[in-house]
Amino acid sequence: MQIKIHEAYRIIVSICDSGLIGKKFEEGDKQLDIKESFYAGEEVDEKKAVEILVDMKKEDATFNIVGKESVRTAEKSGIIKKGCFDFINGISYTFSFL
């Protein structure tokens, strides 16, 4: 997984399965464009990802989460509730605004 933290008026955390970066998925009128400029960041394992997500939750961050492993990790960290995600062409994704 890769995590990238964007500093804006509010912190935005992008987390994505590494193998999906740079790909684009479309299904009907939905589109998922996993741009390297937004998602490519630090390569982390699940333990490190959970630590970062929990810390960023305390900072009132928003989260963009793409991929099976990343969504599972977000569930484990408490960023999203189990099953609260959608699919585009079989790729799981969700956004969390705590």
PDB file of N, CA and C in Angstrom:
ATOM      1  N   MET A   1       0.842  -1.178   0.000  1.00  0.00           N
ATOM      2  CA  MET A   1       0.000   0.000   0.000  1.00  0.00           C
ATOM      3  C   MET A   1       0.883   1.235   0.000  1.00  0.00           C
ATOM      4  N   GLN A   2       0.324   2.292  -0.542  1.00  0.00           N
ATOM      5  CA  GLN A   2       1.020   3.567  -0.496  1.00  0.00           C
ATOM      6  C   GLN A   2       0.106   4.599   0.141  1.00  0.00           C
ATOM      7  N   ILE A   3       0.706   5.426   0.969  1.00  0.00           N
ATOM      8  CA  ILE A   3      -0.010   6.512   1.642  1.00  0.00           C
ATOM      9  C   ILE A   3       0.669   7.823   1.292  1.00  0.00           C
ATOM     10  N   LYS A   4      -0.162   8.805   0.996  1.00  0.00           N
ATOM     11  CA  LYS A   4       0.343  10.150   0.752  1.00  0.00           C
ATOM     12  C   LYS A   4      -0.538  11.120   1.528  1.00  0.00           C
ATOM     13  N   ILE A   5       0.101  12.044   2.229  1.00  0.00           N
ATOM     14  CA  ILE A   5      -0.623  13.042   3.015  1.00  0.00           C
ATOM     15  C   ILE A   5      -0.513  14.378   2.301  1.00  0.00           C
ATOM     16  N   HIS A   6      -1.678  14.954   2.011  1.00  0.00           N
ATOM     17  CA  HIS A   6      -1.759  16.239   1.315  1.00  0.00           C
ATOM     18  C   HIS A   6      -2.155  17.302   2.329  1.00  0.00           C
ATOM     19  N   GLU A   7      -1.368  18.351   2.389  1.00  0.00           N
ATOM     20  CA  GLU A   7      -1.673  19.464   3.286  1.00  0.00           C
ATOM     21  C   GLU A   7      -2.462  20.507   2.510  1.00  0.00           C
ATOM     22  N   ALA A   8      -3.678  20.775   2.944  1.00  0.00           N
ATOM     23  CA  ALA A   8      -4.533  21.791   2.334  1.00  0.00           C
ATOM     24  C   ALA A   8      -5.233  22.508   3.485  1.00  0.00           C
ATOM     25  N   TYR A   9      -6.382  23.112   3.232  1.00  0.00           N
ATOM     26  CA  TYR A   9      -7.119  23.718   4.334  1.00  0.00           C
ATOM     27  C   TYR A   9      -7.500  22.654   5.355  1.00  0.00           C
ATOM     28  N   ARG A  10      -7.542  21.417   4.878  1.00  0.00           N
ATOM     29  CA  ARG A  10      -7.769  20.247   5.716  1.00  0.00           C
ATOM     30  C   ARG A  10      -6.844  19.146   5.204  1.00  0.00           C
ATOM     31  N   ILE A  11      -6.337  18.309   6.072  1.00  0.00           N
ATOM     32  CA  ILE A  11      -5.445  17.228   5.656  1.00  0.00           C
ATOM     33  C   ILE A  11      -6.238  16.181   4.867  1.00  0.00           C
ATOM     34  N   ILE A  12      -5.693  15.781   3.731  1.00  0.00           N
ATOM     35  CA  ILE A  12      -6.283  14.727   2.908  1.00  0.00           C
ATOM     36  C   ILE A  12      -5.275  13.581   2.866  1.00  0.00           C
ATOM     37  N   VAL A  13      -5.729  12.394   3.228  1.00  0.00           N
ATOM     38  CA  VAL A  13      -4.872  11.217   3.227  1.00  0.00           C
ATOM     39  C   VAL A  13      -5.337  10.296   2.100  1.00  0.00           C
ATOM     40  N   SER A  14      -4.437   9.995   1.185  1.00  0.00           N
ATOM     41  CA  SER A  14      -4.752   9.028   0.133  1.00  0.00           C
ATOM     42  C   SER A  14      -4.018   7.733   0.456  1.00  0.00           C
ATOM     43  N   ILE A  15      -4.745   6.620   0.361  1.00  0.00           N
ATOM     44  CA  ILE A  15      -4.164   5.305   0.583  1.00  0.00           C
ATOM     45  C   ILE A  15      -4.673   4.389  -0.523  1.00  0.00           C
ATOM     46  N   CYS A  16      -3.754   3.673  -1.122  1.00  0.00           N
ATOM     47  CA  CYS A  16      -4.092   2.895  -2.306  1.00  0.00           C
ATOM     48  C   CYS A  16      -3.216   1.647  -2.384  1.00  0.00           C
ATOM     49  N   ASP A  17      -3.798   0.563  -2.875  1.00  0.00           N
ATOM     50  CA  ASP A  17      -3.001  -0.633  -3.164  1.00  0.00           C
ATOM     51  C   ASP A  17      -1.971  -0.267  -4.228  1.00  0.00           C
ATOM     52  N   SER A  18      -0.736  -0.582  -4.005  1.00  0.00           N
ATOM     53  CA  SER A  18       0.367  -0.156  -4.882  1.00  0.00           C
ATOM     54  C   SER A  18       0.160  -0.539  -6.344  1.00  0.00           C
ATOM     55  N   GLY A  19      -0.386  -1.702  -6.611  1.00  0.00           N
ATOM     56  CA  GLY A  19      -0.556  -2.171  -7.980  1.00  0.00           C
ATOM     57  C   GLY A  19      -1.608  -1.432  -8.782  1.00  0.00           C
ATOM     58  N   LEU A  20      -2.383  -0.580  -8.136  1.00  0.00           N
ATOM     59  CA  LEU A  20      -3.447   0.146  -8.829  1.00  0.00           C
ATOM     60  C   LEU A  20      -3.030   1.543  -9.273  1.00  0.00           C
ATOM     61  N   ILE A  21      -1.933   2.046  -8.736  1.00  0.00           N
ATOM     62  CA  ILE A  21      -1.511   3.422  -9.035  1.00  0.00           C
ATOM     63  C   ILE A  21      -1.217   3.570 -10.525  1.00  0.00           C
ATOM     64  N   GLY A  22      -1.779   4.641 -11.081  1.00  0.00           N
ATOM     65  CA  GLY A  22      -1.594   4.934 -12.497  1.00  0.00           C
ATOM     66  C   GLY A  22      -2.665   4.332 -13.390  1.00  0.00           C
ATOM     67  N   LYS A  23      -3.599   3.598 -12.822  1.00  0.00           N
ATOM     68  CA  LYS A  23      -4.644   2.954 -13.613  1.00  0.00           C
ATOM     69  C   LYS A  23      -5.944   3.753 -13.563  1.00  0.00           C
ATOM     70  N   LYS A  24      -6.806   3.491 -14.524  1.00  0.00           N
ATOM     71  CA  LYS A  24      -8.090   4.167 -14.617  1.00  0.00           C
ATOM     72  C   LYS A  24      -9.169   3.107 -14.840  1.00  0.00           C
ATOM     73  N   PHE A  25     -10.269   3.224 -14.107  1.00  0.00           N
ATOM     74  CA  PHE A  25     -11.366   2.273 -14.196  1.00  0.00           C
ATOM     75  C   PHE A  25     -12.660   3.035 -14.450  1.00  0.00           C
ATOM     76  N   GLU A  26     -13.496   2.489 -15.308  1.00  0.00           N
ATOM     77  CA  GLU A  26     -14.782   3.104 -15.615  1.00  0.00           C
ATOM     78  C   GLU A  26     -15.865   2.035 -15.595  1.00  0.00           C
ATOM     79  N   GLU A  27     -17.015   2.438 -15.116  1.00  0.00           N
ATOM     80  CA  GLU A  27     -18.179   1.551 -15.098  1.00  0.00           C
ATOM     81  C   GLU A  27     -19.414   2.438 -15.171  1.00  0.00           C
ATOM     82  N   GLY A  28     -20.109   2.382 -16.291  1.00  0.00           N
ATOM     83  CA  GLY A  28     -21.257   3.270 -16.478  1.00  0.00           C
ATOM     84  C   GLY A  28     -20.801   4.711 -16.444  1.00  0.00           C
ATOM     85  N   ASP A  29     -21.432   5.505 -15.599  1.00  0.00           N
ATOM     86  CA  ASP A  29     -21.038   6.915 -15.485  1.00  0.00           C
ATOM     87  C   ASP A  29     -20.033   7.160 -14.357  1.00  0.00           C
ATOM     88  N   LYS A  30     -19.570   6.092 -13.712  1.00  0.00           N
ATOM     89  CA  LYS A  30     -18.579   6.225 -12.628  1.00  0.00           C
ATOM     90  C   LYS A  30     -17.175   6.024 -13.181  1.00  0.00           C
ATOM     91  N   GLN A  31     -16.247   6.774 -12.625  1.00  0.00           N
ATOM     92  CA  GLN A  31     -14.850   6.697 -13.067  1.00  0.00           C
ATOM     93  C   GLN A  31     -13.938   6.768 -11.847  1.00  0.00           C
ATOM     94  N   LEU A  32     -12.900   5.976 -11.872  1.00  0.00           N
ATOM     95  CA  LEU A  32     -11.894   5.974 -10.809  1.00  0.00           C
ATOM     96  C   LEU A  32     -10.535   6.119 -11.477  1.00  0.00           C
ATOM     97  N   ASP A  33      -9.944   7.292 -11.359  1.00  0.00           N
ATOM     98  CA  ASP A  33      -8.655   7.602 -11.980  1.00  0.00           C
ATOM     99  C   ASP A  33      -7.625   7.691 -10.857  1.00  0.00           C
ATOM    100  N   ILE A  34      -6.784   6.686 -10.750  1.00  0.00           N
ATOM    101  CA  ILE A  34      -5.843   6.584  -9.632  1.00  0.00           C
ATOM    102  C   ILE A  34      -4.517   7.216 -10.056  1.00  0.00           C
ATOM    103  N   LYS A  35      -4.500   8.528 -10.022  1.00  0.00           N
ATOM    104  CA  LYS A  35      -3.341   9.283 -10.512  1.00  0.00           C
ATOM    105  C   LYS A  35      -2.149   9.154  -9.568  1.00  0.00           C
ATOM    106  N   GLU A  36      -1.005   8.967 -10.185  1.00  0.00           N
ATOM    107  CA  GLU A  36       0.233   8.852  -9.424  1.00  0.00           C
ATOM    108  C   GLU A  36       0.492  10.105  -8.596  1.00  0.00           C
ATOM    109  N   SER A  37       0.176  11.270  -9.145  1.00  0.00           N
ATOM    110  CA  SER A  37       0.430  12.528  -8.439  1.00  0.00           C
ATOM    111  C   SER A  37      -0.369  12.643  -7.139  1.00  0.00           C
ATOM    112  N   PHE A  38      -1.492  11.939  -7.053  1.00  0.00           N
ATOM    113  CA  PHE A  38      -2.320  12.013  -5.852  1.00  0.00           C
ATOM    114  C   PHE A  38      -2.099  10.834  -4.917  1.00  0.00           C
ATOM    115  N   TYR A  39      -1.897   9.641  -5.462  1.00  0.00           N
ATOM    116  CA  TYR A  39      -1.833   8.430  -4.644  1.00  0.00           C
ATOM    117  C   TYR A  39      -0.437   7.895  -4.360  1.00  0.00           C
ATOM    118  N   ALA A  40       0.532   8.154  -5.215  1.00  0.00           N
ATOM    119  CA  ALA A  40       1.877   7.600  -4.994  1.00  0.00           C
ATOM    120  C   ALA A  40       2.537   8.326  -3.827  1.00  0.00           C
ATOM    121  N   GLY A  41       2.950   7.554  -2.853  1.00  0.00           N
ATOM    122  CA  GLY A  41       3.564   8.135  -1.659  1.00  0.00           C
ATOM    123  C   GLY A  41       4.493   7.136  -1.008  1.00  0.00           C
ATOM    124  N   GLU A  42       4.401   7.046   0.300  1.00  0.00           N
ATOM    125  CA  GLU A  42       5.246   6.138   1.061  1.00  0.00           C
ATOM    126  C   GLU A  42       4.687   4.717   1.009  1.00  0.00           C
ATOM    127  N   GLU A  43       5.526   3.761   0.665  1.00  0.00           N
ATOM    128  CA  GLU A  43       5.130   2.351   0.679  1.00  0.00           C
ATOM    129  C   GLU A  43       5.120   1.880   2.135  1.00  0.00           C
ATOM    130  N   VAL A  44       3.972   1.342   2.590  1.00  0.00           N
ATOM    131  CA  VAL A  44       3.840   0.927   3.985  1.00  0.00           C
ATOM    132  C   VAL A  44       3.178  -0.445   4.073  1.00  0.00           C
ATOM    133  N   ASP A  45       3.441  -1.137   5.176  1.00  0.00           N
ATOM    134  CA  ASP A  45       2.740  -2.384   5.439  1.00  0.00           C
ATOM    135  C   ASP A  45       1.465  -2.060   6.228  1.00  0.00           C
ATOM    136  N   GLU A  46       0.668  -3.083   6.494  1.00  0.00           N
ATOM    137  CA  GLU A  46      -0.608  -2.857   7.177  1.00  0.00           C
ATOM    138  C   GLU A  46      -0.437  -2.202   8.547  1.00  0.00           C
ATOM    139  N   LYS A  47       0.528  -2.676   9.327  1.00  0.00           N
ATOM    140  CA  LYS A  47       0.742  -2.136  10.677  1.00  0.00           C
ATOM    141  C   LYS A  47       1.043  -0.641  10.624  1.00  0.00           C
ATOM    142  N   LYS A  48       1.952  -0.233   9.764  1.00  0.00           N
ATOM    143  CA  LYS A  48       2.313   1.182   9.632  1.00  0.00           C
ATOM    144  C   LYS A  48       1.129   1.996   9.103  1.00  0.00           C
ATOM    145  N   ALA A  49       0.399   1.430   8.146  1.00  0.00           N
ATOM    146  CA  ALA A  49      -0.767   2.125   7.591  1.00  0.00           C
ATOM    147  C   ALA A  49      -1.806   2.394   8.678  1.00  0.00           C
ATOM    148  N   VAL A  50      -2.082   1.390   9.511  1.00  0.00           N
ATOM    149  CA  VAL A  50      -3.051   1.571  10.595  1.00  0.00           C
ATOM    150  C   VAL A  50      -2.586   2.692  11.525  1.00  0.00           C
ATOM    151  N   GLU A  51      -1.315   2.711  11.888  1.00  0.00           N
ATOM    152  CA  GLU A  51      -0.776   3.766  12.757  1.00  0.00           C
ATOM    153  C   GLU A  51      -1.007   5.143  12.149  1.00  0.00           C
ATOM    154  N   ILE A  52      -0.692   5.282  10.870  1.00  0.00           N
ATOM    155  CA  ILE A  52      -0.847   6.584  10.192  1.00  0.00           C
ATOM    156  C   ILE A  52      -2.320   6.981  10.130  1.00  0.00           C
ATOM    157  N   LEU A  53      -3.182   6.048   9.760  1.00  0.00           N
ATOM    158  CA  LEU A  53      -4.604   6.366   9.654  1.00  0.00           C
ATOM    159  C   LEU A  53      -5.192   6.785  10.995  1.00  0.00           C
ATOM    160  N   VAL A  54      -4.839   6.081  12.061  1.00  0.00           N
ATOM    161  CA  VAL A  54      -5.331   6.432  13.396  1.00  0.00           C
ATOM    162  C   VAL A  54      -4.834   7.827  13.796  1.00  0.00           C
ATOM    163  N   ASP A  55      -3.569   8.122  13.530  1.00  0.00           N
ATOM    164  CA  ASP A  55      -3.021   9.454  13.840  1.00  0.00           C
ATOM    165  C   ASP A  55      -3.721  10.543  13.038  1.00  0.00           C
ATOM    166  N   MET A  56      -3.959  10.293  11.762  1.00  0.00           N
ATOM    167  CA  MET A  56      -4.595  11.292  10.906  1.00  0.00           C
ATOM    168  C   MET A  56      -6.068  11.491  11.248  1.00  0.00           C
ATOM    169  N   LYS A  57      -6.708  10.449  11.774  1.00  0.00           N
ATOM    170  CA  LYS A  57      -8.096  10.585  12.238  1.00  0.00           C
ATOM    171  C   LYS A  57      -8.168  11.613  13.360  1.00  0.00           C
ATOM    172  N   LYS A  58      -7.165  11.620  14.227  1.00  0.00           N
ATOM    173  CA  LYS A  58      -7.098  12.589  15.326  1.00  0.00           C
ATOM    174  C   LYS A  58      -6.934  14.007  14.813  1.00  0.00           C
ATOM    175  N   GLU A  59      -6.382  14.155  13.598  1.00  0.00           N
ATOM    176  CA  GLU A  59      -6.145  15.474  12.999  1.00  0.00           C
ATOM    177  C   GLU A  59      -7.331  15.956  12.168  1.00  0.00           C
ATOM    178  N   ASP A  60      -8.445  15.215  12.230  1.00  0.00           N
ATOM    179  CA  ASP A  60      -9.656  15.577  11.489  1.00  0.00           C
ATOM    180  C   ASP A  60      -9.424  15.568   9.982  1.00  0.00           C
ATOM    181  N   ALA A  61      -8.665  14.596   9.522  1.00  0.00           N
ATOM    182  CA  ALA A  61      -8.354  14.470   8.100  1.00  0.00           C
ATOM    183  C   ALA A  61      -9.530  13.854   7.335  1.00  0.00           C
ATOM    184  N   THR A  62      -9.488  13.988   6.014  1.00  0.00           N
ATOM    185  CA  THR A  62     -10.379  13.246   5.134  1.00  0.00           C
ATOM    186  C   THR A  62      -9.542  12.162   4.465  1.00  0.00           C
ATOM    187  N   PHE A  63     -10.201  11.120   3.986  1.00  0.00           N
ATOM    188  CA  PHE A  63      -9.481   9.962   3.469  1.00  0.00           C
ATOM    189  C   PHE A  63     -10.030   9.531   2.118  1.00  0.00           C
ATOM    190  N   ASN A  64      -9.144   9.262   1.186  1.00  0.00           N
ATOM    191  CA  ASN A  64      -9.473   8.650  -0.106  1.00  0.00           C
ATOM    192  C   ASN A  64      -8.804   7.285  -0.104  1.00  0.00           C
ATOM    193  N   ILE A  65      -9.594   6.226  -0.247  1.00  0.00           N
ATOM    194  CA  ILE A  65      -9.103   4.863  -0.052  1.00  0.00           C
ATOM    195  C   ILE A  65      -9.470   4.024  -1.281  1.00  0.00           C
ATOM    196  N   VAL A  66      -8.463   3.378  -1.883  1.00  0.00           N
ATOM    197  CA  VAL A  66      -8.707   2.589  -3.092  1.00  0.00           C
ATOM    198  C   VAL A  66      -7.975   1.248  -3.002  1.00  0.00           C
ATOM    199  N   GLY A  67      -8.704   0.173  -3.296  1.00  0.00           N
ATOM    200  CA  GLY A  67      -8.105  -1.154  -3.352  1.00  0.00           C
ATOM    201  C   GLY A  67      -8.512  -2.020  -2.176  1.00  0.00           C
ATOM    202  N   LYS A  68      -8.555  -3.310  -2.424  1.00  0.00           N
ATOM    203  CA  LYS A  68      -9.001  -4.290  -1.427  1.00  0.00           C
ATOM    204  C   LYS A  68      -8.182  -4.217  -0.133  1.00  0.00           C
ATOM    205  N   GLU A  69      -6.864  -4.232  -0.251  1.00  0.00           N
ATOM    206  CA  GLU A  69      -5.999  -4.201   0.932  1.00  0.00           C
ATOM    207  C   GLU A  69      -6.140  -2.882   1.695  1.00  0.00           C
ATOM    208  N   SER A  70      -6.212  -1.786   0.968  1.00  0.00           N
ATOM    209  CA  SER A  70      -6.328  -0.466   1.605  1.00  0.00           C
ATOM    210  C   SER A  70      -7.670  -0.304   2.309  1.00  0.00           C
ATOM    211  N   VAL A  71      -8.754  -0.772   1.684  1.00  0.00           N
ATOM    212  CA  VAL A  71     -10.080  -0.696   2.306  1.00  0.00           C
ATOM    213  C   VAL A  71     -10.110  -1.562   3.562  1.00  0.00           C
ATOM    214  N   ARG A  72      -9.558  -2.754   3.494  1.00  0.00           N
ATOM    215  CA  ARG A  72      -9.509  -3.642   4.669  1.00  0.00           C
ATOM    216  C   ARG A  72      -8.723  -2.979   5.811  1.00  0.00           C
ATOM    217  N   THR A  73      -7.617  -2.326   5.462  1.00  0.00           N
ATOM    218  CA  THR A  73      -6.801  -1.642   6.463  1.00  0.00           C
ATOM    219  C   THR A  73      -7.559  -0.464   7.072  1.00  0.00           C
ATOM    220  N   ALA A  74      -8.300   0.257   6.257  1.00  0.00           N
ATOM    221  CA  ALA A  74      -9.106   1.376   6.760  1.00  0.00           C
ATOM    222  C   ALA A  74     -10.190   0.883   7.715  1.00  0.00           C
ATOM    223  N   GLU A  75     -10.788  -0.264   7.402  1.00  0.00           N
ATOM    224  CA  GLU A  75     -11.774  -0.863   8.313  1.00  0.00           C
ATOM    225  C   GLU A  75     -11.098  -1.221   9.639  1.00  0.00           C
ATOM    226  N   LYS A  76      -9.940  -1.837   9.555  1.00  0.00           N
ATOM    227  CA  LYS A  76      -9.199  -2.262  10.754  1.00  0.00           C
ATOM    228  C   LYS A  76      -8.822  -1.072  11.632  1.00  0.00           C
ATOM    229  N   SER A  77      -8.523   0.064  11.013  1.00  0.00           N
ATOM    230  CA  SER A  77      -8.105   1.251  11.772  1.00  0.00           C
ATOM    231  C   SER A  77      -9.280   2.044  12.329  1.00  0.00           C
ATOM    232  N   GLY A  78     -10.501   1.711  11.902  1.00  0.00           N
ATOM    233  CA  GLY A  78     -11.678   2.437  12.379  1.00  0.00           C
ATOM    234  C   GLY A  78     -12.008   3.676  11.559  1.00  0.00           C
ATOM    235  N   ILE A  79     -11.335   3.871  10.447  1.00  0.00           N
ATOM    236  CA  ILE A  79     -11.605   5.028   9.585  1.00  0.00           C
ATOM    237  C   ILE A  79     -12.947   4.861   8.882  1.00  0.00           C
ATOM    238  N   ILE A  80     -13.278   3.626   8.490  1.00  0.00           N
ATOM    239  CA  ILE A  80     -14.577   3.329   7.888  1.00  0.00           C
ATOM    240  C   ILE A  80     -15.178   2.122   8.598  1.00  0.00           C
ATOM    241  N   LYS A  81     -16.495   2.011   8.522  1.00  0.00           N
ATOM    242  CA  LYS A  81     -17.176   0.856   9.085  1.00  0.00           C
ATOM    243  C   LYS A  81     -17.081  -0.304   8.107  1.00  0.00           C
ATOM    244  N   LYS A  82     -17.096  -1.494   8.617  1.00  0.00           N
ATOM    245  CA  LYS A  82     -17.007  -2.703   7.787  1.00  0.00           C
ATOM    246  C   LYS A  82     -18.115  -2.688   6.729  1.00  0.00           C
ATOM    247  N   GLY A  83     -17.709  -2.901   5.492  1.00  0.00           N
ATOM    248  CA  GLY A  83     -18.654  -2.960   4.390  1.00  0.00           C
ATOM    249  C   GLY A  83     -19.080  -1.628   3.807  1.00  0.00           C
ATOM    250  N   CYS A  84     -18.538  -0.530   4.310  1.00  0.00           N
ATOM    251  CA  CYS A  84     -18.913   0.804   3.825  1.00  0.00           C
ATOM    252  C   CYS A  84     -18.001   1.250   2.688  1.00  0.00           C
ATOM    253  N   PHE A  85     -18.121   0.566   1.559  1.00  0.00           N
ATOM    254  CA  PHE A  85     -17.343   0.914   0.385  1.00  0.00           C
ATOM    255  C   PHE A  85     -18.123   0.487  -0.849  1.00  0.00           C
ATOM    256  N   ASP A  86     -17.677   0.911  -1.998  1.00  0.00           N
ATOM    257  CA  ASP A  86     -18.331   0.599  -3.260  1.00  0.00           C
ATOM    258  C   ASP A  86     -17.303   0.018  -4.215  1.00  0.00           C
ATOM    259  N   PHE A  87     -17.730  -0.345  -5.409  1.00  0.00           N
ATOM    260  CA  PHE A  87     -16.839  -0.928  -6.416  1.00  0.00           C
ATOM    261  C   PHE A  87     -17.003  -0.220  -7.760  1.00  0.00           C
ATOM    262  N   ILE A  88     -15.922  -0.115  -8.487  1.00  0.00           N
ATOM    263  CA  ILE A  88     -15.929   0.242  -9.901  1.00  0.00           C
ATOM    264  C   ILE A  88     -15.078  -0.815 -10.590  1.00  0.00           C
ATOM    265  N   ASN A  89     -15.688  -1.547 -11.500  1.00  0.00           N
ATOM    266  CA  ASN A  89     -15.003  -2.651 -12.194  1.00  0.00           C
ATOM    267  C   ASN A  89     -14.289  -3.593 -11.230  1.00  0.00           C
ATOM    268  N   GLY A  90     -14.913  -3.886 -10.112  1.00  0.00           N
ATOM    269  CA  GLY A  90     -14.354  -4.821  -9.142  1.00  0.00           C
ATOM    270  C   GLY A  90     -13.312  -4.237  -8.207  1.00  0.00           C
ATOM    271  N   ILE A  91     -12.991  -2.962  -8.374  1.00  0.00           N
ATOM    272  CA  ILE A  91     -12.003  -2.289  -7.504  1.00  0.00           C
ATOM    273  C   ILE A  91     -12.752  -1.582  -6.387  1.00  0.00           C
ATOM    274  N   SER A  92     -12.455  -1.947  -5.146  1.00  0.00           N
ATOM    275  CA  SER A  92     -13.123  -1.318  -4.006  1.00  0.00           C
ATOM    276  C   SER A  92     -12.536   0.064  -3.737  1.00  0.00           C
ATOM    277  N   TYR A  93     -13.429   0.972  -3.314  1.00  0.00           N
ATOM    278  CA  TYR A  93     -12.994   2.333  -3.003  1.00  0.00           C
ATOM    279  C   TYR A  93     -14.001   2.961  -2.035  1.00  0.00           C
ATOM    280  N   THR A  94     -13.548   3.962  -1.343  1.00  0.00           N
ATOM    281  CA  THR A  94     -14.431   4.747  -0.481  1.00  0.00           C
ATOM    282  C   THR A  94     -13.741   6.056  -0.125  1.00  0.00           C
ATOM    283  N   PHE A  95     -14.537   6.958   0.383  1.00  0.00           N
ATOM    284  CA  PHE A  95     -14.035   8.243   0.859  1.00  0.00           C
ATOM    285  C   PHE A  95     -14.608   8.436   2.250  1.00  0.00           C
ATOM    286  N   SER A  96     -13.825   8.969   3.125  1.00  0.00           N
ATOM    287  CA  SER A  96     -14.273   9.142   4.497  1.00  0.00           C
ATOM    288  C   SER A  96     -14.018  10.578   4.935  1.00  0.00           C
ATOM    289  N   PHE A  97     -15.088  11.204   5.396  1.00  0.00           N
ATOM    290  CA  PHE A  97     -15.005  12.559   5.926  1.00  0.00           C
ATOM    291  C   PHE A  97     -15.485  12.495   7.353  1.00  0.00           C
ATOM    292  N   LEU A  98     -14.553  12.369   8.272  1.00  0.00           N
ATOM    293  CA  LEU A  98     -14.919  12.191   9.690  1.00  0.00           C
ATOM    294  C   LEU A  98     -15.322  13.486  10.326  1.00  0.00           C
TER     295      LEU A  98
END
